Amino acid sequence: MKNMTWIALASLVLLGGAGLAQQDDLPAVFSEVIDVRVVNIEVVVTDRDGNRVHGLKASDFELLVDGEPTPIDYFTEIEEGRARASADGDAVAGVPNLEPEAPVGTSFLLFIDDFFTIKRDRDRVLDRLEEDLTQLGPADRVAAVSFDGKTVNMLTTWTNSPTQLSDALREARRRRAHGLMRIGELRTSDQERLEQSELRAIANRFIEEGGVEPPEETLRNSLRGTELRYATNLENQLERSVLAAVATLRSFANRPGRKVMLLLAGGWPQSPALYTIARDNVTPVGIGAASDSRLMSEDDLYGPLVSAANLIGYTLYPVDVPGFRPEFNLDASVGLDSNRASDPSAGAGAFQERELLQHVTLQSLARSTGGLPMINADRDTALADVVADTRSYYWLGFQPQRREDDEVHDVEVRLVDHPDRRGFRVRSREGYVDMSRASEVTMMVEGSLLFGNPPSAKPLGVRFGRPERRRMGKMVVPVEVAIPLDEVQLLPVAGMWQNELEFRVTVMDKHGNRSETPVEKVRIAGPREPQPGQYFTYQTGLELRRREHTFVIAVYDPLTGAILSSSGEIGVR
């Protein structure tokens, strides 16, 4: 069987994008599809005074999945960083690979959001974090990355070396923070809204002078032009940061013991629409505009991060990097200051509302994954508090019924009713996603674009043709992909050796904007078994804006789970 060619034309239209620098010493971006056979749930139980409750057994807990009682398959109590032996008479097996009285380390994954943070605030949090490195135990490990809006940059892989960690944090403080740009964008939006409000007031005054009653502002269910422009841009920026955090989780998925992400967020509002139109009080007009269907919901925006954390078994501890900011007036002589409102027109109420919208996001991310939000003054003790919070807990596991349908399943853990336990509180993750293989591979390919390396080491030959100019500043780039048949599985079916592979391509331009990731089915079929060294050639075309892009192309074999990929730059000639 010679090289076979299957030709298709796929359009990949970008509305924006950003380039990536290739980096060495990066972790392999998650190159295997996650096979969730057991859902792990870390459960914290406290008494009325907030003290940890020890000595409970599996039979003291009730596990509900989508409201239905579900057997607990594994159970181990972790007390002060050590796995306790199972209580006598408890028939539930201990969590695999946890030996009684053996130390159980915690993996602390530090994600630094340089895209939204201000250097002064970020460096303060990093300084306090470095001071608390002594709180780590001998079995603990820390890895750290930073995100600048375009690239996830590796600061250190897993280590417990104080020297390596100090070097990584020193490098983090040297990196540029982009939060002042975000403040400038907000200030411009507020100024435009103020000017438009003044113009409407002038128009209404002319109407009144003409003896006509000016129209009252009625409930609207969408944002105005300038409002929508700012809210859409903010939404795109937030989605980019969330995707970077998801890619980071997946890249550091396979770790033993407890897994935690400290998310140093510079300001992720719950609703871009409400954040845009914040004012001294929430009005029906504002509530209606916040429901603008052209913008993503909170679940659509932040759900992928919660889903990834719960799927892989990470607990999120979001850190409020800006902290408490008590001043709300702006003096033009001092310039932009993160401790003050973005514009005099916004007012103190708008500033407080925006800060609250950011806090709600941190609280939601923590609650959904079983963690705690580090808000205001808690930012100064974030690492010490997280270390203390992850030293003692109950580790539950159960085997879900997998359908791989991308459905979200609610999880609730509660104590069996007993008079001695009244007033006890239980904290754990709130659900998990039964993620399909297709969604897994797509997320993995998109994440690899941010890390600047392909999702696997298996080869995939890619050759680009000369771009063809199109109208409206666009171009079509011919692509030829050579798939080595040695790396995929073909089976004899109906007299033909065949398989149906999944082809994915995603690209970003120099601004960090990313395309959607379409999935094309590529059917390979031949009358004879393929011989060593043979290739299958797939041809397609990418419709892009005329600018340089970074790409990741991947082919997934559903029979074996193998992923072949390539990444690089697409130039404009």
Protein backbone atom coordinates (compact mmCIF):
# COMPACT_ATOMS: atom_id res chain seq x y z
CA MET A 1 0.00 0.00 0.00
CA LYS A 2 1.57 3.29 -1.08
CA ASN A 3 1.02 6.67 0.53
CA MET A 4 -2.71 7.34 0.59
CA THR A 5 -4.23 10.78 0.32
CA TRP A 6 -7.56 11.86 1.76
CA ILE A 7 -8.41 15.46 0.88
CA ALA A 8 -10.71 17.80 2.79
CA LEU A 9 -11.01 21.54 3.25
CA ALA A 10 -11.60 22.88 6.74
CA SER A 11 -12.03 26.56 7.53
CA LEU A 12 -10.44 27.87 10.68
CA VAL A 13 -11.46 31.51 11.05
CA LEU A 14 -9.71 33.61 13.71
CA LEU A 15 -11.01 36.86 15.10
CA GLY A 16 -7.72 37.50 16.90
CA GLY A 17 -4.64 35.54 18.30
CA ALA A 18 -0.96 35.51 19.90
CA GLY A 19 2.47 33.99 19.36
CA LEU A 20 4.39 31.74 21.75
CA ALA A 21 8.06 31.43 22.47
CA GLN A 22 9.39 27.88 22.38
CA GLN A 23 10.78 26.85 25.77
CA ASP A 24 13.00 24.13 27.12
CA ASP A 25 12.58 22.23 30.37
CA LEU A 26 8.80 22.20 30.18
CA PRO A 27 6.65 19.36 31.48
CA ALA A 28 5.14 17.16 28.83
CA VAL A 29 1.71 18.65 28.31
CA PHE A 30 -0.72 15.95 29.32
CA SER A 31 -0.13 13.41 26.57
CA GLU A 32 -2.50 10.72 27.78
CA VAL A 33 -6.26 10.94 28.10
CA ILE A 34 -7.29 10.91 31.75
CA ASP A 35 -8.97 7.65 32.69
CA VAL A 36 -11.03 8.43 35.77
CA ARG A 37 -11.65 5.07 37.37
CA VAL A 38 -11.88 6.50 40.89
CA VAL A 39 -13.15 9.93 41.95
CA ASN A 40 -11.15 11.15 44.96
CA ILE A 41 -12.76 13.48 47.48
CA GLU A 42 -10.84 15.17 50.28
CA VAL A 43 -13.22 15.91 53.16
CA VAL A 44 -12.59 18.36 56.01
CA VAL A 45 -14.72 18.00 59.16
CA THR A 46 -14.73 20.72 61.83
CA ASP A 47 -16.64 21.17 65.11
CA ARG A 48 -18.57 24.22 66.27
CA ASP A 49 -15.33 26.03 67.14
CA GLY A 50 -13.67 25.30 63.80
CA ASN A 51 -11.36 22.60 65.18
CA ARG A 52 -10.60 19.51 63.06
CA VAL A 53 -12.50 16.38 64.00
CA HIS A 54 -10.41 13.18 64.00
CA GLY A 55 -11.15 9.48 64.39
CA LEU A 56 -14.19 9.13 62.14
CA LYS A 57 -14.72 5.96 60.08
CA ALA A 58 -16.09 5.42 56.60
CA SER A 59 -19.40 4.31 58.12
CA ASP A 60 -19.73 7.77 59.69
CA PHE A 61 -20.05 9.35 56.23
CA GLU A 62 -22.79 9.32 53.62
CA LEU A 63 -21.88 9.89 49.98
CA LEU A 64 -24.50 11.19 47.55
CA VAL A 65 -23.93 11.41 43.78
CA ASP A 66 -26.69 13.33 41.98
CA GLY A 67 -28.72 12.90 45.16
CA GLU A 68 -28.41 9.11 45.20
CA PRO A 69 -26.58 7.18 48.00
CA THR A 70 -23.33 5.79 46.62
CA PRO A 71 -20.95 3.26 48.24
CA ILE A 72 -17.59 4.55 49.49
CA ASP A 73 -14.97 2.26 47.93
CA TYR A 74 -11.83 3.69 49.59
CA PHE A 75 -11.30 5.54 52.84
CA THR A 76 -8.25 6.81 54.74
CA GLU A 77 -7.88 9.51 57.36
CA ILE A 78 -4.89 11.83 56.94
CA GLU A 79 -3.88 13.34 60.27
CA GLU A 80 -1.09 15.91 60.45
CA GLY A 81 0.33 14.70 57.15
CA ARG A 82 0.28 10.97 57.91
CA ALA A 83 -2.06 8.19 56.79
CA ARG A 84 -3.79 6.61 59.76
CA ALA A 85 -4.51 2.90 59.91
CA SER A 86 -8.13 1.95 59.28
CA ALA A 87 -10.31 1.70 62.36
CA ASP A 88 -11.18 -1.79 63.57
CA GLY A 89 -14.36 -3.15 62.10
CA ASP A 90 -14.35 -0.76 59.12
CA ALA A 91 -14.82 -2.91 56.03
CA VAL A 92 -13.87 -0.21 53.51
CA ALA A 93 -10.44 -0.55 51.95
CA GLY A 94 -7.83 2.13 52.46
CA VAL A 95 -6.86 4.48 49.64
CA PRO A 96 -4.40 2.61 47.37
CA ASN A 97 -0.68 3.39 47.75
CA LEU A 98 -1.14 4.98 51.18
CA GLU A 99 0.67 2.90 53.78
CA PRO A 100 -0.46 3.32 57.41
CA GLU A 101 1.62 5.91 59.30
CA ALA A 102 3.47 6.82 56.10
CA PRO A 103 3.88 10.56 55.35
CA VAL A 104 1.44 11.94 52.77
CA GLY A 105 2.87 14.90 50.93
CA THR A 106 0.99 17.73 49.27
CA SER A 107 1.80 19.01 45.80
CA PHE A 108 1.43 22.80 45.72
CA LEU A 109 1.02 24.11 42.17
CA LEU A 110 1.52 27.89 42.07
CA PHE A 111 -0.22 29.73 39.19
CA ILE A 112 0.74 33.42 38.97
CA ASP A 113 -1.62 35.52 36.87
CA ASP A 114 0.64 38.32 35.56
CA PHE A 115 -2.00 39.32 33.02
CA PHE A 116 -4.33 40.89 35.61
CA THR A 117 -2.03 41.56 38.58
CA ILE A 118 -0.13 44.73 39.45
CA LYS A 119 3.56 44.23 40.21
CA ARG A 120 3.42 45.82 43.67
CA ASP A 121 0.56 43.60 44.81
CA ARG A 122 1.95 40.46 43.17
CA ASP A 123 5.41 40.94 44.67
CA ARG A 124 3.96 41.50 48.14
CA VAL A 125 2.14 38.15 47.96
CA LEU A 126 5.25 36.39 46.60
CA ASP A 127 7.40 37.90 49.36
CA ARG A 128 5.04 36.57 52.05
CA LEU A 129 4.85 33.22 50.28
CA GLU A 130 8.63 32.89 50.24
CA GLU A 131 8.76 33.63 53.97
CA ASP A 132 6.36 30.72 54.59
CA LEU A 133 8.30 28.11 52.60
CA THR A 134 9.58 26.82 55.93
CA GLN A 135 6.05 25.56 56.64
CA LEU A 136 6.40 22.86 53.98
CA GLY A 137 6.92 19.27 55.08
CA PRO A 138 9.65 16.93 53.82
CA ALA A 139 7.20 15.09 51.53
CA ASP A 140 5.73 18.29 50.04
CA ARG A 141 6.62 19.58 46.59
CA VAL A 142 6.05 22.91 44.82
CA ALA A 143 5.88 23.77 41.12
CA ALA A 144 5.32 27.27 39.77
CA VAL A 145 4.27 28.89 36.49
CA SER A 146 3.35 32.40 35.43
CA PHE A 147 0.98 33.56 32.69
CA ASP A 148 1.43 36.86 30.84
CA GLY A 149 -1.67 36.72 28.65
CA LYS A 150 0.04 34.80 25.85
CA THR A 151 2.38 32.16 27.26
CA VAL A 152 2.51 29.92 30.32
CA ASN A 153 6.08 30.25 31.56
CA MET A 154 7.72 27.54 33.63
CA LEU A 155 9.40 28.86 36.78
CA THR A 156 10.18 25.52 38.39
CA THR A 157 9.10 21.91 38.09
CA TRP A 158 8.27 19.90 41.24
CA THR A 159 10.85 20.51 43.94
CA ASN A 160 11.23 20.90 47.71
CA SER A 161 14.61 22.60 47.44
CA PRO A 162 14.51 25.98 49.25
CA THR A 163 17.17 27.30 46.87
CA GLN A 164 15.27 26.32 43.72
CA LEU A 165 12.02 27.71 45.09
CA SER A 166 13.63 31.00 46.09
CA ASP A 167 15.19 31.28 42.63
CA ALA A 168 11.80 30.61 41.01
CA LEU A 169 10.08 33.28 43.10
CA ARG A 170 12.90 35.73 42.37
CA GLU A 171 12.34 35.08 38.66
CA ALA A 172 8.59 35.56 39.15
CA ARG A 173 9.17 38.99 40.69
CA ARG A 174 11.36 40.00 37.74
CA ARG A 175 8.62 39.30 35.23
CA ARG A 176 6.45 42.08 33.88
CA ALA A 177 2.95 42.44 35.33
CA HIS A 178 0.18 43.76 33.08
CA GLY A 179 -2.44 44.81 35.63
CA LEU A 180 -2.03 48.55 35.03
CA MET A 181 -3.07 47.98 31.41
CA ARG A 182 -6.27 46.34 32.64
CA ILE A 183 -6.92 49.35 34.91
CA GLY A 184 -6.33 51.69 31.96
CA GLU A 185 -8.85 49.77 29.87
CA LEU A 186 -11.42 49.99 32.64
CA ARG A 187 -10.81 53.69 33.16
CA THR A 188 -11.29 54.36 29.43
CA SER A 189 -14.55 52.39 29.48
CA ASP A 190 -15.85 54.34 32.49
CA GLN A 191 -14.92 57.65 30.87
CA GLU A 192 -16.77 56.72 27.67
CA ARG A 193 -19.84 55.71 29.67
CA LEU A 194 -19.72 59.02 31.56
CA GLU A 195 -19.51 61.01 28.33
CA GLN A 196 -22.42 59.09 26.81
CA SER A 197 -24.47 59.64 29.96
CA GLU A 198 -23.81 63.37 29.78
CA LEU A 199 -24.84 63.45 26.11
CA ARG A 200 -28.11 61.69 26.94
CA ALA A 201 -28.72 64.19 29.76
CA ILE A 202 -28.18 67.10 27.35
CA ALA A 203 -30.55 65.54 24.81
CA ASN A 204 -33.20 65.04 27.48
CA ARG A 205 -32.83 68.67 28.57
CA PHE A 206 -33.52 69.85 25.01
CA ILE A 207 -36.56 67.58 24.90
CA GLU A 208 -37.85 69.04 28.18
CA GLU A 209 -37.33 72.61 26.93
CA GLY A 210 -39.44 71.70 23.90
CA GLY A 211 -42.30 70.77 26.19
CA VAL A 212 -41.94 67.04 25.69
CA GLU A 213 -41.48 64.57 28.52
CA PRO A 214 -38.10 62.80 28.09
CA PRO A 215 -38.28 59.02 27.93
CA GLU A 216 -37.51 57.08 31.09
CA GLU A 217 -34.70 54.56 30.94
CA THR A 218 -36.44 51.24 30.90
CA LEU A 219 -35.22 47.75 31.64
CA ARG A 220 -32.85 46.62 28.91
CA ASN A 221 -31.51 43.14 28.35
CA SER A 222 -28.27 44.03 26.58
CA LEU A 223 -25.22 46.25 26.86
CA ARG A 224 -24.74 49.38 24.76
CA GLY A 225 -22.03 49.60 22.10
CA THR A 226 -19.08 50.86 24.18
CA GLU A 227 -20.16 48.73 27.14
CA LEU A 228 -20.32 45.61 25.00
CA ARG A 229 -16.93 46.33 23.47
CA TYR A 230 -15.22 46.53 26.87
CA ALA A 231 -17.15 43.59 28.36
CA THR A 232 -16.35 41.38 25.35
CA ASN A 233 -12.66 42.24 25.54
CA LEU A 234 -12.63 41.52 29.29
CA GLU A 235 -14.41 38.22 28.70
CA ASN A 236 -11.80 37.19 26.11
CA GLN A 237 -9.00 38.08 28.50
CA LEU A 238 -10.59 36.12 31.35
CA GLU A 239 -11.23 33.11 29.14
CA ARG A 240 -7.57 33.19 28.10
CA SER A 241 -6.41 33.21 31.74
CA VAL A 242 -8.82 30.44 32.73
CA LEU A 243 -7.61 28.28 29.83
CA ALA A 244 -4.02 28.87 30.94
CA ALA A 245 -4.89 27.67 34.45
CA VAL A 246 -6.64 24.60 32.99
CA ALA A 247 -3.60 23.82 30.83
CA THR A 248 -1.38 24.13 33.89
CA LEU A 249 -3.51 21.68 35.88
CA ARG A 250 -3.43 19.15 33.08
CA SER A 251 0.30 19.51 32.60
CA PHE A 252 0.90 18.66 36.27
CA ALA A 253 -1.84 16.04 36.56
CA ASN A 254 0.06 12.93 37.59
CA ARG A 255 1.15 13.58 41.15
CA PRO A 256 0.82 11.34 44.23
CA GLY A 257 -0.84 12.52 47.41
CA ARG A 258 -2.87 15.67 47.86
CA LYS A 259 -2.89 18.13 44.94
CA VAL A 260 -3.48 21.85 45.45
CA MET A 261 -3.37 24.89 43.17
CA LEU A 262 -2.66 28.30 44.67
CA LEU A 263 -4.27 30.60 42.12
CA LEU A 264 -2.80 34.10 42.38
CA ALA A 265 -5.59 35.97 40.60
CA GLY A 266 -5.30 39.67 39.93
CA GLY A 267 -9.03 40.27 39.56
CA TRP A 268 -11.40 37.82 37.87
CA PRO A 269 -14.94 39.23 38.13
CA GLN A 270 -17.94 36.93 38.33
CA SER A 271 -19.72 38.77 35.50
CA PRO A 272 -17.92 40.89 32.88
CA ALA A 273 -21.22 42.64 32.14
CA LEU A 274 -21.89 43.67 35.75
CA TYR A 275 -18.24 44.63 36.15
CA THR A 276 -18.56 46.90 33.13
CA ILE A 277 -21.68 48.77 34.23
CA ALA A 278 -20.98 48.85 37.98
CA ARG A 279 -22.31 51.96 39.71
CA ASP A 280 -23.25 53.17 43.17
CA ASN A 281 -26.12 50.68 43.36
CA VAL A 282 -27.38 47.73 41.35
CA THR A 283 -30.44 48.81 39.36
CA PRO A 284 -32.96 46.77 37.36
CA VAL A 285 -31.34 48.27 34.28
CA GLY A 286 -27.98 46.84 35.31
CA ILE A 287 -29.40 43.44 36.15
CA GLY A 288 -31.12 43.27 32.79
CA ALA A 289 -28.01 44.33 30.88
CA ALA A 290 -25.96 41.72 32.75
CA SER A 291 -28.08 39.00 31.13
CA ASP A 292 -26.81 39.97 27.66
CA SER A 293 -26.89 36.71 25.71
CA ARG A 294 -23.85 37.77 23.67
CA LEU A 295 -21.63 37.18 26.71
CA MET A 296 -20.70 33.95 28.46
CA SER A 297 -22.35 32.86 31.69
CA GLU A 298 -20.32 32.39 34.86
CA ASP A 299 -20.48 28.62 34.40
CA ASP A 300 -19.29 28.85 30.80
CA LEU A 301 -16.43 31.16 31.77
CA TYR A 302 -15.10 29.48 34.92
CA GLY A 303 -16.67 26.02 34.61
CA PRO A 304 -13.74 24.55 32.61
CA LEU A 305 -11.34 25.33 35.48
CA VAL A 306 -13.62 23.80 38.09
CA SER A 307 -14.22 20.75 35.89
CA ALA A 308 -10.51 20.22 35.24
CA ALA A 309 -9.64 20.57 38.93
CA ASN A 310 -12.32 18.12 40.03
CA LEU A 311 -11.50 15.69 37.21
CA ILE A 312 -7.79 15.56 38.03
CA GLY A 313 -8.24 15.84 41.80
CA TYR A 314 -6.90 19.34 42.49
CA THR A 315 -8.27 21.61 45.22
CA LEU A 316 -8.28 25.32 44.31
CA TYR A 317 -7.13 27.95 46.80
CA PRO A 318 -7.60 31.29 44.99
CA VAL A 319 -5.59 34.21 46.39
CA ASP A 320 -6.92 37.77 46.29
CA VAL A 321 -3.68 39.41 45.11
CA PRO A 322 -4.93 43.05 45.26
CA GLY A 323 -6.16 42.57 48.84
CA PHE A 324 -8.26 45.11 50.71
CA ARG A 325 -8.31 48.57 49.10
CA PRO A 326 -10.04 51.15 51.32
CA GLU A 327 -9.56 54.33 49.24
CA PHE A 328 -12.07 55.13 46.52
CA ASN A 329 -11.28 58.69 45.29
CA LEU A 330 -8.86 59.43 42.49
CA ASP A 331 -6.46 62.36 42.43
CA ALA A 332 -5.19 63.00 38.91
CA SER A 333 -1.83 64.09 40.31
CA VAL A 334 -0.97 60.58 41.48
CA GLY A 335 -1.86 58.79 38.23
CA LEU A 336 -3.18 55.27 38.08
CA ASP A 337 -3.26 53.60 41.48
CA SER A 338 -4.64 50.13 42.07
CA ASN A 339 -5.84 51.22 45.52
CA ARG A 340 -8.27 53.69 44.01
CA ALA A 341 -11.31 53.68 41.77
CA SER A 342 -10.67 53.55 38.04
CA ASP A 343 -12.45 56.85 37.40
CA PRO A 344 -14.29 59.55 39.41
CA SER A 345 -17.49 58.74 37.51
CA ALA A 346 -17.56 55.23 38.92
CA GLY A 347 -17.85 56.28 42.55
CA ALA A 348 -17.16 54.36 45.74
CA GLY A 349 -20.18 52.11 45.23
CA ALA A 350 -18.94 50.99 41.82
CA PHE A 351 -15.51 50.22 43.21
CA GLN A 352 -16.94 48.17 46.06
CA GLU A 353 -19.27 46.34 43.68
CA ARG A 354 -16.38 45.45 41.38
CA GLU A 355 -14.29 44.20 44.27
CA LEU A 356 -17.22 42.09 45.45
CA LEU A 357 -17.63 40.59 41.96
CA GLN A 358 -13.98 39.53 42.09
CA HIS A 359 -14.39 38.02 45.56
CA VAL A 360 -17.44 36.04 44.47
CA THR A 361 -15.35 34.35 41.76
CA LEU A 362 -12.65 33.33 44.26
CA GLN A 363 -15.26 32.01 46.67
CA SER A 364 -17.00 30.01 43.94
CA LEU A 365 -13.80 28.41 42.64
CA ALA A 366 -12.77 27.41 46.16
CA ARG A 367 -16.20 26.13 47.23
CA SER A 368 -16.68 24.03 44.10
CA THR A 369 -13.37 22.19 44.59
CA GLY A 370 -13.30 21.94 48.39
CA GLY A 371 -10.77 24.71 49.00
CA LEU A 372 -10.80 28.09 50.74
CA PRO A 373 -10.55 31.59 49.25
CA MET A 374 -7.68 33.76 50.51
CA ILE A 375 -9.38 37.18 50.46
CA ASN A 376 -8.09 40.58 51.64
CA ALA A 377 -5.60 40.16 54.53
CA ASP A 378 -5.51 36.37 54.02
CA ARG A 379 -3.29 36.98 50.98
CA ASP A 380 -0.37 37.62 53.36
CA THR A 381 -0.60 34.14 54.93
CA ALA A 382 -1.84 32.22 51.87
CA LEU A 383 0.78 29.45 51.79
CA ALA A 384 0.88 28.95 55.56
CA ASP A 385 -2.93 28.74 55.68
CA VAL A 386 -3.12 26.27 52.78
CA VAL A 387 -0.40 24.08 54.33
CA ALA A 388 -2.35 24.00 57.59
CA ASP A 389 -5.64 23.30 55.80
CA THR A 390 -4.23 20.31 53.90
CA ARG A 391 -2.50 18.56 56.79
CA SER A 392 -5.60 16.78 58.15
CA TYR A 393 -8.59 15.48 56.19
CA TYR A 394 -10.50 12.35 55.21
CA TRP A 395 -9.73 10.85 51.82
CA LEU A 396 -12.74 9.17 50.20
CA GLY A 397 -12.88 7.44 46.85
CA PHE A 398 -15.63 5.89 44.76
CA GLN A 399 -15.87 4.28 41.34
CA PRO A 400 -18.30 6.21 39.12
CA GLN A 401 -20.37 4.75 36.32
CA ARG A 402 -18.58 6.16 33.28
CA ARG A 403 -20.65 7.24 30.27
CA GLU A 404 -18.14 9.81 28.94
CA ASP A 405 -20.94 12.20 28.06
CA ASP A 406 -19.39 15.44 29.41
CA GLU A 407 -22.14 15.65 32.03
CA VAL A 408 -21.56 17.33 35.41
CA HIS A 409 -22.46 15.18 38.42
CA ASP A 410 -23.17 16.64 41.85
CA VAL A 411 -21.34 15.18 44.82
CA GLU A 412 -22.30 15.68 48.46
CA VAL A 413 -20.58 14.24 51.52
CA ARG A 414 -22.35 14.46 54.86
CA LEU A 415 -22.11 12.88 58.28
CA VAL A 416 -24.54 10.21 59.39
CA ASP A 417 -26.89 11.85 61.87
CA HIS A 418 -25.71 11.50 65.45
CA PRO A 419 -26.41 13.68 68.53
CA ASP A 420 -22.69 14.08 69.26
CA ARG A 421 -22.03 15.49 65.80
CA ARG A 422 -24.58 18.28 65.72
CA GLY A 423 -22.89 21.50 64.72
CA PHE A 424 -20.14 19.68 62.82
CA ARG A 425 -19.39 21.09 59.37
CA VAL A 426 -18.26 19.17 56.28
CA ARG A 427 -16.31 20.67 53.36
CA SER A 428 -15.45 18.85 50.12
CA ARG A 429 -15.53 19.23 46.35
CA GLU A 430 -19.05 19.57 44.93
CA GLY A 431 -18.92 17.47 41.78
CA TYR A 432 -17.03 15.93 38.90
CA VAL A 433 -17.34 15.81 35.12
CA ASP A 434 -17.74 12.56 33.21
CA MET A 435 -15.56 13.91 30.44
CA SER A 436 -15.54 12.37 26.99
CA ARG A 437 -12.36 11.36 25.19
CA ALA A 438 -13.04 13.97 22.51
CA SER A 439 -13.23 16.79 25.07
CA GLU A 440 -10.12 15.52 26.83
CA VAL A 441 -8.01 15.57 23.68
CA THR A 442 -9.31 18.99 22.63
CA MET A 443 -8.44 20.52 26.01
CA MET A 444 -5.03 18.90 25.90
CA VAL A 445 -4.26 20.28 22.43
CA GLU A 446 -5.44 23.78 23.37
CA GLY A 447 -3.37 23.68 26.55
CA SER A 448 -0.21 22.65 24.71
CA LEU A 449 -0.46 25.82 22.62
CA LEU A 450 -0.09 27.95 25.76
CA PHE A 451 2.89 25.95 27.00
CA GLY A 452 4.64 26.31 23.66
CA ASN A 453 5.27 22.59 23.14
CA PRO A 454 3.33 19.81 21.42
CA PRO A 455 1.16 17.43 23.44
CA SER A 456 3.29 14.35 22.71
CA ALA A 457 6.68 13.32 21.47
CA LYS A 458 5.30 11.10 18.70
CA PRO A 459 6.08 12.51 15.26
CA LEU A 460 3.66 14.17 12.88
CA GLY A 461 4.99 15.64 9.66
CA VAL A 462 3.44 18.99 8.71
CA ARG A 463 4.14 21.07 5.59
CA PHE A 464 2.52 24.42 4.77
CA GLY A 465 1.99 25.72 1.28
CA ARG A 466 2.10 29.32 0.08
CA PRO A 467 -0.71 31.39 1.63
CA GLU A 468 -3.43 32.51 -0.76
CA ARG A 469 -4.75 36.03 -0.24
CA ARG A 470 -8.45 36.47 0.45
CA ARG A 471 -10.62 39.52 0.98
CA MET A 472 -11.02 41.31 4.33
CA GLY A 473 -7.38 40.79 5.31
CA LYS A 474 -7.60 37.00 5.33
CA MET A 475 -5.58 34.19 3.80
CA VAL A 476 -5.93 30.46 3.21
CA VAL A 477 -2.89 28.38 4.11
CA PRO A 478 -2.70 24.91 2.49
CA VAL A 479 -1.56 22.21 4.94
CA GLU A 480 -0.28 18.72 4.27
CA VAL A 481 -0.02 16.37 7.25
CA ALA A 482 1.96 13.11 6.99
CA ILE A 483 0.67 10.50 9.49
CA PRO A 484 3.12 7.61 10.06
CA LEU A 485 1.10 4.38 9.95
CA ASP A 486 3.62 2.77 12.31
CA GLU A 487 2.19 4.97 15.08
CA VAL A 488 -1.55 4.25 14.60
CA GLN A 489 -3.60 1.06 14.64
CA LEU A 490 -5.40 -0.25 11.54
CA LEU A 491 -7.76 -3.20 11.88
CA PRO A 492 -9.12 -5.55 9.20
CA VAL A 493 -12.82 -4.74 8.82
CA ALA A 494 -14.98 -5.83 5.86
CA GLY A 495 -11.93 -6.73 3.81
CA MET A 496 -10.14 -3.41 4.41
CA TRP A 497 -7.46 -2.30 6.87
CA GLN A 498 -8.95 0.81 8.37
CA ASN A 499 -9.41 3.24 11.24
CA GLU A 500 -11.06 6.61 11.76
CA LEU A 501 -8.68 9.13 13.34
CA GLU A 502 -9.52 12.53 14.85
CA PHE A 503 -7.71 15.56 13.42
CA ARG A 504 -7.44 18.78 15.44
CA VAL A 505 -5.76 22.11 14.79
CA THR A 506 -5.73 25.23 16.94
CA VAL A 507 -3.83 28.48 16.39
CA MET A 508 -3.08 31.76 18.19
CA ASP A 509 -1.89 35.10 16.85
CA LYS A 510 0.60 37.50 18.44
CA HIS A 511 -2.06 39.06 20.69
CA GLY A 512 -2.89 35.80 22.46
CA ASN A 513 -6.29 35.28 20.81
CA ARG A 514 -7.02 31.63 20.11
CA SER A 515 -9.16 29.92 17.51
CA GLU A 516 -11.77 27.30 18.18
CA THR A 517 -10.52 23.72 17.82
CA PRO A 518 -12.62 21.91 15.21
CA VAL A 519 -12.49 18.10 15.09
CA GLU A 520 -12.31 16.44 11.68
CA LYS A 521 -12.78 12.70 11.19
CA VAL A 522 -10.04 11.23 8.99
CA ARG A 523 -10.84 7.77 7.64
CA ILE A 524 -7.92 5.60 6.60
CA ALA A 525 -8.70 2.49 4.54
CA GLY A 526 -6.57 0.22 2.38
CA PRO A 527 -6.80 -3.31 0.93
CA ARG A 528 -3.58 -4.55 2.61
CA GLU A 529 -1.92 -4.31 6.00
CA PRO A 530 0.37 -1.26 6.10
CA GLN A 531 4.10 -1.92 5.92
CA PRO A 532 6.79 -0.28 8.08
CA GLY A 533 7.67 3.25 7.03
CA GLN A 534 4.42 4.00 5.19
CA TYR A 535 2.53 7.29 5.63
CA PHE A 536 -0.99 8.51 5.15
CA THR A 537 -1.23 12.07 3.78
CA TYR A 538 -4.05 14.36 4.88
CA GLN A 539 -4.55 17.69 3.13
CA THR A 540 -6.55 20.60 4.43
CA GLY A 541 -6.59 24.39 4.42
CA LEU A 542 -6.66 26.95 7.22
CA GLU A 543 -8.46 30.25 6.75
CA LEU A 544 -6.71 32.85 8.92
CA ARG A 545 -6.22 36.56 9.23
CA ARG A 546 -3.06 37.81 7.54
CA ARG A 547 -0.69 37.78 10.48
CA GLU A 548 1.75 35.40 12.08
CA HIS A 549 0.31 32.55 14.14
CA THR A 550 1.47 29.76 16.39
CA PHE A 551 -0.15 26.39 15.71
CA VAL A 552 -0.64 22.96 17.24
CA ILE A 553 -1.85 20.12 15.01
CA ALA A 554 -2.72 16.78 16.58
CA VAL A 555 -4.05 13.43 15.40
CA TYR A 556 -5.74 11.14 17.92
CA ASP A 557 -6.13 7.38 17.47
CA PRO A 558 -9.23 6.31 19.44
CA LEU A 559 -8.23 2.64 19.20
CA THR A 560 -4.95 3.00 21.09
CA GLY A 561 -5.20 6.46 22.66
CA ALA A 562 -2.03 7.51 20.80
CA ILE A 563 -1.61 11.21 20.03
CA LEU A 564 0.68 12.45 17.27
CA SER A 565 1.37 16.15 17.08
CA SER A 566 3.39 19.02 15.73
CA SER A 567 3.68 22.70 16.65
CA GLY A 568 5.41 25.77 15.28
CA GLU A 569 4.87 29.08 13.52
CA ILE A 570 2.77 30.02 10.49
CA GLY A 571 4.31 33.02 8.76
CA VAL A 572 2.90 35.57 6.34
CA ARG A 573 4.68 35.59 2.98
